[in-house]
N, C-alpha and C. Protein backbone atom coordinates (compact mmCIF):
# COMPACT_ATOMS: atom_id res chain seq x y z
N GLY A 1 80.90 100.41 -114.35
CA GLY A 1 80.53 99.50 -115.38
C GLY A 1 81.48 99.41 -116.55
N THR A 2 82.69 99.92 -116.33
CA THR A 2 83.67 100.03 -117.40
C THR A 2 84.77 98.82 -117.20
N ILE A 3 84.60 98.01 -116.26
CA ILE A 3 85.77 97.10 -115.92
C ILE A 3 85.78 96.10 -117.20
N HIS A 4 84.73 95.67 -117.81
CA HIS A 4 84.90 94.69 -118.82
C HIS A 4 85.69 95.46 -119.98
N ASP A 5 85.47 96.65 -120.43
CA ASP A 5 86.23 97.38 -121.38
C ASP A 5 87.67 97.53 -120.93
N ILE A 6 87.84 97.91 -119.83
CA ILE A 6 89.27 98.29 -119.40
C ILE A 6 89.96 96.86 -119.12
N GLY A 7 89.36 95.84 -118.75
CA GLY A 7 89.98 94.55 -118.51
C GLY A 7 90.34 93.99 -119.88
N ALA A 8 89.25 94.18 -120.90
CA ALA A 8 89.70 93.49 -122.27
C ALA A 8 90.87 94.43 -122.93
N TRP A 9 90.96 95.70 -122.63
CA TRP A 9 92.01 96.52 -123.25
C TRP A 9 93.36 96.14 -122.62
N VAL A 10 93.40 95.92 -121.21
CA VAL A 10 94.63 95.52 -120.49
C VAL A 10 95.15 94.19 -121.06
N LEU A 11 94.30 93.19 -121.23
CA LEU A 11 94.66 91.95 -121.75
C LEU A 11 95.23 92.06 -123.18
N HIS A 12 94.49 92.79 -124.03
CA HIS A 12 94.97 92.92 -125.39
C HIS A 12 96.19 93.69 -125.35
N ARG A 13 96.52 94.75 -124.80
CA ARG A 13 97.67 95.57 -124.74
C ARG A 13 98.83 94.60 -124.15
N ALA A 14 98.69 93.92 -123.07
CA ALA A 14 99.71 93.08 -122.62
C ALA A 14 100.16 92.00 -123.59
N CYS A 15 99.10 91.49 -124.30
CA CYS A 15 99.54 90.44 -125.38
C CYS A 15 100.28 91.01 -126.53
N ILE A 16 99.80 92.26 -127.04
CA ILE A 16 100.54 92.91 -128.08
C ILE A 16 101.90 93.30 -127.69
N ASP A 17 102.04 93.83 -126.51
CA ASP A 17 103.31 94.24 -126.03
C ASP A 17 104.30 92.99 -125.88
N ALA A 18 103.73 91.96 -125.50
CA ALA A 18 104.66 90.71 -125.30
C ALA A 18 105.07 90.20 -126.61
N VAL A 19 104.18 90.27 -127.67
CA VAL A 19 104.55 89.84 -128.97
C VAL A 19 105.60 90.72 -129.57
N GLN A 20 105.50 91.94 -129.24
CA GLN A 20 106.35 92.91 -129.86
C GLN A 20 107.83 92.99 -129.19
N LEU A 21 107.99 92.35 -128.06
CA LEU A 21 109.27 92.37 -127.46
C LEU A 21 110.38 91.60 -128.29
N PRO A 22 111.50 92.40 -128.50
CA PRO A 22 112.49 91.71 -129.25
C PRO A 22 113.27 90.69 -128.53
N VAL A 23 112.75 89.54 -128.46
CA VAL A 23 113.41 88.36 -127.65
C VAL A 23 113.41 87.21 -128.63
N ASP A 24 114.34 86.18 -128.28
CA ASP A 24 114.53 85.10 -129.06
C ASP A 24 113.30 84.12 -128.92
N ASP A 25 112.95 83.91 -127.70
CA ASP A 25 111.79 82.91 -127.32
C ASP A 25 110.64 83.79 -126.85
N PRO A 26 109.40 83.42 -127.18
CA PRO A 26 108.18 84.11 -126.65
C PRO A 26 108.22 84.10 -125.21
N ILE A 27 107.97 85.34 -124.46
CA ILE A 27 107.96 85.30 -123.15
C ILE A 27 106.60 84.94 -122.51
N SER A 28 106.43 84.54 -121.28
CA SER A 28 105.05 84.40 -120.74
C SER A 28 104.62 85.61 -120.27
N MET A 29 103.36 85.83 -120.17
CA MET A 29 102.68 87.10 -119.72
C MET A 29 101.54 86.74 -118.76
N SER A 30 101.58 87.44 -117.68
CA SER A 30 100.53 87.19 -116.61
C SER A 30 99.66 88.41 -116.48
N VAL A 31 98.35 88.23 -116.46
CA VAL A 31 97.53 89.34 -116.53
C VAL A 31 96.45 88.95 -115.43
N ASN A 32 96.18 89.99 -114.50
CA ASN A 32 95.16 89.81 -113.52
C ASN A 32 93.80 89.87 -114.20
N VAL A 33 92.84 88.94 -113.70
CA VAL A 33 91.41 89.01 -114.16
C VAL A 33 90.58 89.11 -113.01
N SER A 34 89.81 90.11 -112.93
CA SER A 34 88.76 90.27 -111.74
C SER A 34 87.66 89.26 -111.80
N LEU A 35 87.00 89.13 -110.68
CA LEU A 35 85.92 88.23 -110.57
C LEU A 35 84.79 88.68 -111.36
N ILE A 36 84.64 90.14 -111.54
CA ILE A 36 83.57 90.53 -112.47
C ILE A 36 83.83 90.20 -113.92
N GLN A 37 85.06 90.19 -114.28
CA GLN A 37 85.30 89.74 -115.62
C GLN A 37 85.05 88.36 -115.92
N LEU A 38 85.55 87.42 -115.00
CA LEU A 38 85.33 86.14 -115.06
C LEU A 38 83.88 85.62 -114.98
N MET A 39 83.13 86.35 -114.39
CA MET A 39 81.54 86.08 -114.26
C MET A 39 80.92 86.59 -115.59
N ASP A 40 81.55 87.36 -116.36
CA ASP A 40 80.96 87.93 -117.64
C ASP A 40 80.82 86.74 -118.68
N ASP A 41 79.57 86.79 -119.18
CA ASP A 41 79.25 85.93 -120.32
C ASP A 41 80.15 86.14 -121.66
N GLY A 42 80.63 87.39 -121.79
CA GLY A 42 81.41 87.65 -122.89
C GLY A 42 83.02 87.71 -122.71
N PHE A 43 83.32 87.12 -121.55
CA PHE A 43 84.84 87.16 -121.27
C PHE A 43 85.53 86.07 -122.20
N ILE A 44 84.96 84.97 -122.34
CA ILE A 44 85.76 84.02 -123.36
C ILE A 44 85.78 84.45 -124.71
N ARG A 45 84.67 85.15 -125.21
CA ARG A 45 84.78 85.71 -126.47
C ARG A 45 85.86 86.83 -126.60
N ALA A 46 85.86 87.54 -125.53
CA ALA A 46 87.03 88.71 -125.52
C ALA A 46 88.36 88.05 -125.48
N LEU A 47 88.46 86.98 -124.79
CA LEU A 47 89.82 86.26 -124.73
C LEU A 47 90.18 85.71 -126.13
N ASP A 48 89.21 85.08 -126.84
CA ASP A 48 89.47 84.58 -128.07
C ASP A 48 89.78 85.70 -129.07
N LYS A 49 89.21 86.82 -128.91
CA LYS A 49 89.47 88.03 -129.87
C LYS A 49 90.96 88.53 -129.57
N VAL A 50 91.35 88.55 -128.32
CA VAL A 50 92.72 89.01 -128.02
C VAL A 50 93.65 87.96 -128.48
N LEU A 51 93.55 86.79 -128.34
CA LEU A 51 94.38 85.73 -128.77
C LEU A 51 94.58 85.82 -130.38
N GLU A 52 93.46 85.87 -131.04
CA GLU A 52 93.39 85.84 -132.44
C GLU A 52 94.19 87.17 -132.95
N SER A 53 93.77 88.40 -132.46
CA SER A 53 94.40 89.58 -132.98
C SER A 53 95.70 89.83 -132.60
N SER A 54 96.19 89.49 -131.46
CA SER A 54 97.55 89.69 -131.05
C SER A 54 98.49 88.72 -131.53
N GLY A 55 98.01 87.49 -131.74
CA GLY A 55 99.04 86.36 -132.21
C GLY A 55 99.83 85.83 -131.06
N PHE A 56 99.41 86.16 -129.79
CA PHE A 56 100.25 85.71 -128.64
C PHE A 56 99.90 84.28 -128.44
N PRO A 57 100.95 83.47 -128.16
CA PRO A 57 100.64 81.96 -127.92
C PRO A 57 99.77 81.71 -126.71
N PRO A 58 98.69 81.06 -126.70
CA PRO A 58 97.78 80.87 -125.52
C PRO A 58 98.52 80.21 -124.48
N GLU A 59 99.40 79.26 -124.77
CA GLU A 59 100.16 78.57 -123.62
C GLU A 59 101.22 79.41 -122.94
N LYS A 60 101.47 80.69 -123.52
CA LYS A 60 102.38 81.60 -122.72
C LYS A 60 101.56 82.54 -121.95
N LEU A 61 100.22 82.61 -121.96
CA LEU A 61 99.41 83.51 -121.29
C LEU A 61 98.97 82.97 -119.99
N HIS A 62 99.15 83.68 -118.92
CA HIS A 62 98.81 83.24 -117.59
C HIS A 62 97.68 84.23 -117.06
N LEU A 63 96.49 83.74 -116.79
CA LEU A 63 95.53 84.65 -116.12
C LEU A 63 95.48 84.32 -114.61
N GLU A 64 95.63 85.44 -113.98
CA GLU A 64 95.72 85.43 -112.52
C GLU A 64 94.41 85.68 -111.79
N ILE A 65 93.89 84.80 -111.11
CA ILE A 65 92.60 85.02 -110.48
C ILE A 65 92.80 84.79 -108.86
N THR A 66 91.97 85.56 -108.06
CA THR A 66 92.15 85.39 -106.69
C THR A 66 91.14 84.43 -106.20
N GLU A 67 91.56 84.03 -104.87
CA GLU A 67 90.51 83.05 -104.32
C GLU A 67 89.13 83.60 -104.23
N SER A 68 88.94 84.90 -104.21
CA SER A 68 87.55 85.44 -104.12
C SER A 68 86.70 84.89 -105.17
N VAL A 69 87.24 84.37 -106.39
CA VAL A 69 86.31 83.90 -107.28
C VAL A 69 85.55 82.72 -106.84
N PHE A 70 85.82 82.07 -105.77
CA PHE A 70 85.25 80.91 -105.20
C PHE A 70 83.93 81.30 -104.34
N ALA A 71 83.93 82.73 -104.09
CA ALA A 71 82.74 83.14 -103.13
C ALA A 71 81.57 83.46 -103.91
N ASP A 72 81.60 83.54 -105.20
CA ASP A 72 80.41 83.75 -106.08
C ASP A 72 79.88 82.57 -106.81
N ASN A 73 79.29 82.80 -107.88
CA ASN A 73 78.63 81.79 -108.69
C ASN A 73 79.67 80.79 -109.23
N ARG A 74 79.76 79.67 -108.39
CA ARG A 74 80.77 78.69 -108.63
C ARG A 74 80.63 78.01 -110.10
N GLU A 75 79.40 77.87 -110.62
CA GLU A 75 79.14 77.07 -111.90
C GLU A 75 79.65 78.04 -112.98
N THR A 76 79.43 79.18 -112.99
CA THR A 76 79.82 80.22 -114.07
C THR A 76 81.34 80.19 -114.07
N VAL A 77 81.97 80.27 -112.83
CA VAL A 77 83.42 80.33 -112.73
C VAL A 77 84.03 79.05 -113.29
N MET A 78 83.46 77.95 -112.92
CA MET A 78 84.05 76.69 -113.31
C MET A 78 84.00 76.55 -114.88
N GLU A 79 82.77 76.95 -115.48
CA GLU A 79 82.65 76.94 -116.90
C GLU A 79 83.70 77.76 -117.69
N ASN A 80 83.84 78.96 -117.12
CA ASN A 80 84.69 79.82 -117.76
C ASN A 80 86.20 79.46 -117.55
N VAL A 81 86.49 78.98 -116.35
CA VAL A 81 87.81 78.44 -116.14
C VAL A 81 88.13 77.29 -117.10
N ASN A 82 87.24 76.33 -117.23
CA ASN A 82 87.30 75.22 -118.07
C ASN A 82 87.54 75.73 -119.54
N ALA A 83 86.71 76.69 -119.89
CA ALA A 83 86.88 77.22 -121.29
C ALA A 83 88.25 77.81 -121.57
N ILE A 84 88.75 78.52 -120.54
CA ILE A 84 90.11 79.16 -120.47
C ILE A 84 91.13 78.09 -120.74
N LYS A 85 91.13 77.00 -119.90
CA LYS A 85 91.95 75.98 -119.97
C LYS A 85 91.97 75.19 -121.27
N ALA A 86 90.71 75.06 -121.92
CA ALA A 86 90.52 74.45 -123.28
C ALA A 86 91.39 75.19 -124.31
N ARG A 87 91.67 76.43 -124.06
CA ARG A 87 92.42 77.15 -125.04
C ARG A 87 93.90 77.15 -124.66
N ASN A 88 94.31 76.32 -123.75
CA ASN A 88 95.72 76.12 -123.40
C ASN A 88 96.18 77.42 -122.67
N VAL A 89 95.32 78.20 -122.16
CA VAL A 89 95.84 79.44 -121.30
C VAL A 89 96.00 78.86 -119.91
N GLN A 90 97.03 79.44 -119.20
CA GLN A 90 97.39 78.99 -117.93
C GLN A 90 96.68 79.90 -116.77
N ILE A 91 96.17 79.04 -115.81
CA ILE A 91 95.52 79.85 -114.69
C ILE A 91 96.34 79.79 -113.38
N SER A 92 96.56 80.99 -112.84
CA SER A 92 97.40 81.04 -111.52
C SER A 92 96.30 81.60 -110.47
N ILE A 93 96.36 81.05 -109.37
CA ILE A 93 95.64 81.46 -108.13
C ILE A 93 96.50 82.40 -107.43
N ASP A 94 96.08 83.69 -107.59
CA ASP A 94 96.97 84.82 -106.95
C ASP A 94 96.63 85.05 -105.49
N ASP A 95 97.54 85.55 -104.71
CA ASP A 95 97.41 85.87 -103.26
C ASP A 95 96.81 84.69 -102.48
N PHE A 96 97.37 83.50 -102.79
CA PHE A 96 96.93 82.29 -102.14
C PHE A 96 96.96 82.40 -100.58
N GLY A 97 95.82 82.03 -99.82
CA GLY A 97 96.05 81.93 -98.42
C GLY A 97 95.54 83.26 -97.79
N THR A 98 95.22 84.31 -98.46
CA THR A 98 94.92 85.57 -97.97
C THR A 98 93.49 85.90 -97.93
N GLY A 99 92.62 85.03 -98.69
CA GLY A 99 91.21 85.35 -98.81
C GLY A 99 90.39 84.20 -98.55
N PHE A 100 89.21 84.17 -99.13
CA PHE A 100 88.31 83.00 -98.95
C PHE A 100 88.94 81.84 -99.59
N SER A 101 89.03 80.78 -98.86
CA SER A 101 89.86 79.47 -99.43
C SER A 101 88.98 78.41 -99.06
N SER A 102 88.71 77.64 -100.03
CA SER A 102 87.95 76.34 -99.81
C SER A 102 88.75 75.23 -100.62
N LEU A 103 89.30 74.39 -99.87
CA LEU A 103 90.12 73.40 -100.51
C LEU A 103 89.23 72.50 -101.43
N SER A 104 87.97 72.15 -100.93
CA SER A 104 87.08 71.42 -101.89
C SER A 104 86.74 72.10 -103.22
N GLN A 105 86.74 73.38 -103.08
CA GLN A 105 86.46 74.14 -104.38
C GLN A 105 87.71 74.15 -105.21
N LEU A 106 88.90 74.35 -104.48
CA LEU A 106 90.18 74.26 -105.33
C LEU A 106 90.36 72.90 -105.91
N GLN A 107 89.83 71.87 -105.26
CA GLN A 107 89.97 70.60 -105.88
C GLN A 107 89.20 70.48 -107.24
N SER A 108 88.16 71.13 -107.40
CA SER A 108 87.27 71.08 -108.64
C SER A 108 87.67 72.06 -109.67
N LEU A 109 88.71 72.96 -109.41
CA LEU A 109 89.03 74.08 -110.21
C LEU A 109 90.39 73.53 -110.88
N SER A 110 90.44 73.66 -112.25
CA SER A 110 91.78 73.40 -112.94
C SER A 110 92.61 74.63 -112.96
N PHE A 111 93.93 74.53 -112.28
CA PHE A 111 94.83 75.65 -112.36
C PHE A 111 96.08 75.08 -112.40
N ASP A 112 97.14 75.98 -112.73
CA ASP A 112 98.45 75.56 -113.01
C ASP A 112 99.48 76.05 -112.09
N HIS A 113 99.20 77.24 -111.46
CA HIS A 113 100.15 77.82 -110.54
C HIS A 113 99.35 78.34 -109.23
N ILE A 114 100.11 78.31 -108.19
CA ILE A 114 99.70 78.98 -106.86
C ILE A 114 100.65 80.02 -106.68
N LYS A 115 100.26 81.23 -106.43
CA LYS A 115 101.03 82.36 -106.05
C LYS A 115 101.15 82.64 -104.66
N ILE A 116 102.23 82.55 -104.01
CA ILE A 116 102.39 82.75 -102.60
C ILE A 116 102.37 84.21 -102.40
N ASP A 117 101.38 84.65 -101.52
CA ASP A 117 101.36 86.09 -101.25
C ASP A 117 102.51 86.66 -100.61
N ARG A 118 102.94 87.91 -101.00
CA ARG A 118 104.18 88.58 -100.44
C ARG A 118 104.08 88.68 -98.93
N ALA A 119 102.84 88.86 -98.33
CA ALA A 119 102.82 88.89 -96.92
C ALA A 119 103.50 87.84 -96.18
N PHE A 120 103.25 86.52 -96.81
CA PHE A 120 103.97 85.34 -96.19
C PHE A 120 105.56 85.47 -96.38
N VAL A 121 105.87 86.04 -97.55
CA VAL A 121 107.30 85.97 -97.88
C VAL A 121 107.99 87.15 -96.98
N GLN A 122 107.41 88.26 -96.76
CA GLN A 122 107.90 89.38 -95.98
C GLN A 122 108.00 88.93 -94.49
N ASN A 123 107.25 88.01 -94.10
CA ASN A 123 107.29 87.46 -92.66
C ASN A 123 108.07 86.19 -92.49
N LEU A 124 108.96 85.78 -93.32
CA LEU A 124 109.62 84.56 -93.18
C LEU A 124 110.20 84.34 -91.89
N GLU A 125 110.90 85.48 -91.35
CA GLU A 125 111.51 85.30 -90.04
C GLU A 125 110.57 85.04 -88.89
N GLU A 126 109.25 85.43 -89.09
CA GLU A 126 108.28 85.33 -87.94
C GLU A 126 107.58 83.94 -87.98
N GLY A 127 108.01 83.10 -88.69
CA GLY A 127 107.36 81.70 -88.77
C GLY A 127 106.37 81.49 -89.81
N SER A 128 106.15 82.42 -90.88
CA SER A 128 105.23 82.17 -91.88
C SER A 128 105.76 81.06 -92.86
N ASP A 129 106.92 80.55 -92.63
CA ASP A 129 107.50 79.40 -93.49
C ASP A 129 106.62 78.18 -93.35
N THR A 130 105.94 78.10 -92.25
CA THR A 130 104.83 76.94 -92.17
C THR A 130 103.89 77.05 -93.10
N ILE A 131 103.30 78.23 -93.24
CA ILE A 131 102.12 78.48 -94.33
C ILE A 131 102.73 78.18 -95.64
N ILE A 132 104.08 78.68 -95.96
CA ILE A 132 104.59 78.48 -97.21
C ILE A 132 104.79 76.94 -97.55
N ARG A 133 105.21 76.25 -96.53
CA ARG A 133 105.45 74.93 -96.67
C ARG A 133 104.23 74.17 -96.88
N ALA A 134 103.12 74.52 -96.18
CA ALA A 134 101.82 73.96 -96.38
C ALA A 134 101.33 74.27 -97.86
N THR A 135 101.57 75.36 -98.30
CA THR A 135 101.19 75.81 -99.60
C THR A 135 101.88 75.01 -100.69
N LEU A 136 103.27 74.76 -100.34
CA LEU A 136 103.96 73.92 -101.38
C LEU A 136 103.53 72.59 -101.36
N LEU A 137 103.02 72.10 -100.37
CA LEU A 137 102.43 70.65 -100.18
C LEU A 137 101.18 70.61 -100.99
N ILE A 138 100.32 71.62 -100.82
CA ILE A 138 99.06 71.57 -101.59
C ILE A 138 99.34 71.66 -103.14
N ALA A 139 100.11 72.62 -103.40
CA ALA A 139 100.52 72.68 -104.67
C ALA A 139 100.93 71.33 -105.40
N ARG A 140 101.90 70.63 -104.77
CA ARG A 140 102.30 69.40 -105.29
C ARG A 140 101.17 68.45 -105.31
N GLU A 141 100.33 68.45 -104.39
CA GLU A 141 99.31 67.50 -104.47
C GLU A 141 98.39 67.73 -105.67
N PHE A 142 98.15 68.97 -106.05
CA PHE A 142 97.37 69.40 -107.16
C PHE A 142 98.16 69.32 -108.48
N GLY A 143 99.39 69.02 -108.39
CA GLY A 143 100.27 68.90 -109.54
C GLY A 143 100.51 70.22 -110.26
N CYS A 144 100.57 71.31 -109.42
CA CYS A 144 100.87 72.72 -110.06
C CYS A 144 102.23 73.28 -109.47
N LYS A 145 102.57 74.29 -110.09
CA LYS A 145 103.83 75.00 -109.62
C LYS A 145 103.43 76.20 -108.77
N THR A 146 104.57 76.62 -108.00
CA THR A 146 104.42 77.73 -107.13
C THR A 146 105.33 78.98 -107.54
N ILE A 147 104.83 80.06 -107.29
CA ILE A 147 105.47 81.39 -107.52
C ILE A 147 105.28 82.22 -106.26
N ALA A 148 106.53 82.64 -105.61
CA ALA A 148 106.41 83.59 -104.48
C ALA A 148 106.57 84.99 -105.00
N GLU A 149 105.65 85.69 -104.50
CA GLU A 149 105.69 87.23 -104.76
C GLU A 149 106.42 87.98 -103.73
N GLY A 150 106.79 89.15 -104.11
CA GLY A 150 107.44 90.11 -103.12
C GLY A 150 108.77 89.81 -102.76
N ILE A 151 109.58 89.20 -103.60
CA ILE A 151 110.99 88.87 -103.34
C ILE A 151 111.78 90.14 -103.38
N GLU A 152 112.37 90.64 -102.33
CA GLU A 152 113.16 91.75 -102.30
C GLU A 152 114.69 91.56 -101.91
N THR A 153 114.97 90.44 -101.22
CA THR A 153 116.32 90.28 -100.91
C THR A 153 116.81 88.87 -101.43
N GLU A 154 118.18 88.78 -101.49
CA GLU A 154 118.81 87.46 -102.02
C GLU A 154 118.59 86.39 -100.90
N GLU A 155 118.39 86.77 -99.63
CA GLU A 155 118.12 85.83 -98.65
C GLU A 155 116.85 85.18 -98.76
N HIS A 156 115.75 86.01 -99.03
CA HIS A 156 114.49 85.45 -99.17
C HIS A 156 114.51 84.48 -100.55
N ALA A 157 115.14 85.02 -101.62
CA ALA A 157 115.16 84.17 -102.77
C ALA A 157 115.97 82.82 -102.50
N ALA A 158 117.00 82.76 -101.86
CA ALA A 158 117.70 81.56 -101.50
C ALA A 158 116.88 80.66 -100.63
N ARG A 159 116.18 81.27 -99.60
CA ARG A 159 115.46 80.48 -98.74
C ARG A 159 114.27 79.80 -99.41
N LEU A 160 113.64 80.55 -100.23
CA LEU A 160 112.44 79.96 -100.91
C LEU A 160 112.75 79.04 -101.97
N THR A 161 113.84 79.21 -102.53
CA THR A 161 114.34 78.15 -103.50
C THR A 161 114.67 76.98 -102.87
N ALA A 162 115.31 77.09 -101.67
CA ALA A 162 115.71 75.92 -100.92
C ALA A 162 114.48 75.17 -100.41
N MET A 163 113.39 75.85 -100.19
CA MET A 163 112.11 75.19 -99.71
C MET A 163 111.46 74.59 -100.90
N GLY A 164 111.78 74.89 -102.04
CA GLY A 164 111.15 74.22 -103.39
C GLY A 164 110.20 75.05 -104.12
N VAL A 165 110.20 76.37 -103.88
CA VAL A 165 109.35 77.17 -104.61
C VAL A 165 109.89 77.23 -106.11
N ASP A 166 109.04 77.12 -107.08
CA ASP A 166 109.33 77.05 -108.47
C ASP A 166 109.76 78.31 -109.04
N GLY A 167 109.08 79.29 -108.74
CA GLY A 167 109.39 80.78 -109.48
C GLY A 167 109.36 81.89 -108.33
N LEU A 168 110.07 82.78 -108.62
CA LEU A 168 110.17 84.03 -107.70
C LEU A 168 109.82 85.29 -108.59
N GLN A 169 109.27 86.35 -107.92
CA GLN A 169 108.84 87.51 -108.52
C GLN A 169 109.03 88.61 -107.46
N GLY A 170 109.58 89.74 -107.86
CA GLY A 170 109.62 90.76 -106.95
C GLY A 170 110.56 91.88 -107.43
N TYR A 171 110.74 92.80 -106.55
CA TYR A 171 111.74 94.00 -106.89
C TYR A 171 113.20 93.62 -106.90
N LEU A 172 113.48 92.42 -106.26
CA LEU A 172 114.88 92.08 -106.36
C LEU A 172 115.36 91.87 -107.95
N TYR A 173 114.25 91.45 -108.74
CA TYR A 173 114.58 91.27 -110.10
C TYR A 173 114.26 92.49 -110.95
N ALA A 174 113.22 93.07 -110.68
CA ALA A 174 112.81 94.26 -111.42
C ALA A 174 111.58 95.00 -110.85
N ARG A 175 111.60 96.17 -110.88
CA ARG A 175 110.34 97.06 -110.64
C ARG A 175 109.44 97.18 -111.82
N PRO A 176 108.11 97.49 -111.53
CA PRO A 176 107.37 97.68 -112.87
C PRO A 176 108.02 98.78 -113.75
N LEU A 177 107.90 98.50 -114.98
CA LEU A 177 108.61 99.45 -116.12
C LEU A 177 107.65 99.72 -117.23
N PRO A 178 107.73 100.89 -117.84
CA PRO A 178 107.08 101.16 -119.04
C PRO A 178 107.70 100.24 -120.16
N PHE A 179 106.91 99.96 -121.05
CA PHE A 179 107.25 98.98 -122.27
C PHE A 179 108.76 99.36 -122.75
N SER A 180 108.90 100.56 -123.00
CA SER A 180 110.21 101.15 -123.59
C SER A 180 111.36 100.72 -122.75
N GLU A 181 111.23 100.97 -121.41
CA GLU A 181 112.28 100.56 -120.47
C GLU A 181 112.53 99.09 -120.28
N LEU A 182 111.33 98.30 -120.48
CA LEU A 182 111.45 96.87 -120.38
C LEU A 182 112.40 96.35 -121.40
N VAL A 183 112.31 96.75 -122.49
CA VAL A 183 113.21 96.28 -123.66
C VAL A 183 114.74 96.47 -123.33
N THR A 184 115.00 97.67 -122.83
CA THR A 184 116.31 97.95 -122.26
C THR A 184 116.75 97.04 -121.06
N TRP A 185 115.89 96.88 -120.16
CA TRP A 185 116.12 96.02 -119.02
C TRP A 185 116.39 94.58 -119.55
N LYS A 186 115.61 94.09 -120.37
CA LYS A 186 115.74 92.60 -120.92
C LYS A 186 117.04 92.46 -121.60
N ASN A 187 117.50 93.47 -122.33
CA ASN A 187 118.84 93.51 -123.07
C ASN A 187 119.96 93.48 -122.17
N LYS A 188 119.77 94.11 -120.97
CA LYS A 188 120.85 94.10 -120.00
C LYS A 188 120.93 92.73 -119.32
N GLU A 189 119.87 92.13 -119.02
CA GLU A 189 119.72 90.89 -118.38
C GLU A 189 120.36 89.83 -119.24
N LYS A 190 120.40 89.91 -120.37
CA LYS A 190 121.09 88.90 -121.36
C LYS A 190 122.59 88.89 -121.32
N ARG A 191 123.08 90.06 -120.91
CA ARG A 191 124.62 90.09 -120.87
C ARG A 191 125.09 89.44 -119.56
């Protein structure tokens, strides 16, 4: 029963850390949100509190939800997603294509990004580019951007960029880092 408190703390900590990064332009911050959090009546109040207390620009916040959100109370999910979007916070569908997927429900949900799961990226040589191409087509039809997860090689990066993927994420660029090391890494990237 602590997911709500932990989730609120993670969201708050991520926004505070992002604001404290010594960078010229505010960075975007992605935070995973569980179905349990999204179904909670108090989630929107918690989101408002985080945005107000951290000072993080809402348009730079990306909340990542999985397709599993479609499996439960659709009305509550839609209300909360619409409330999130009303605050100019971005919504990303994480691990797209790996779970419960209903295109009709996708059609009624407002989202900004589709994240292509690393399983499809890692199997590019085995023909999963068909799934990636289909995902790109779906994303274009919905007017949203795509992000491929699990990029570990220059070859994958080049191939996915050539296919039209908008953003790439993975160990090729950086591994997860503590906040103190992130600042050092970011300063090296500028050079």
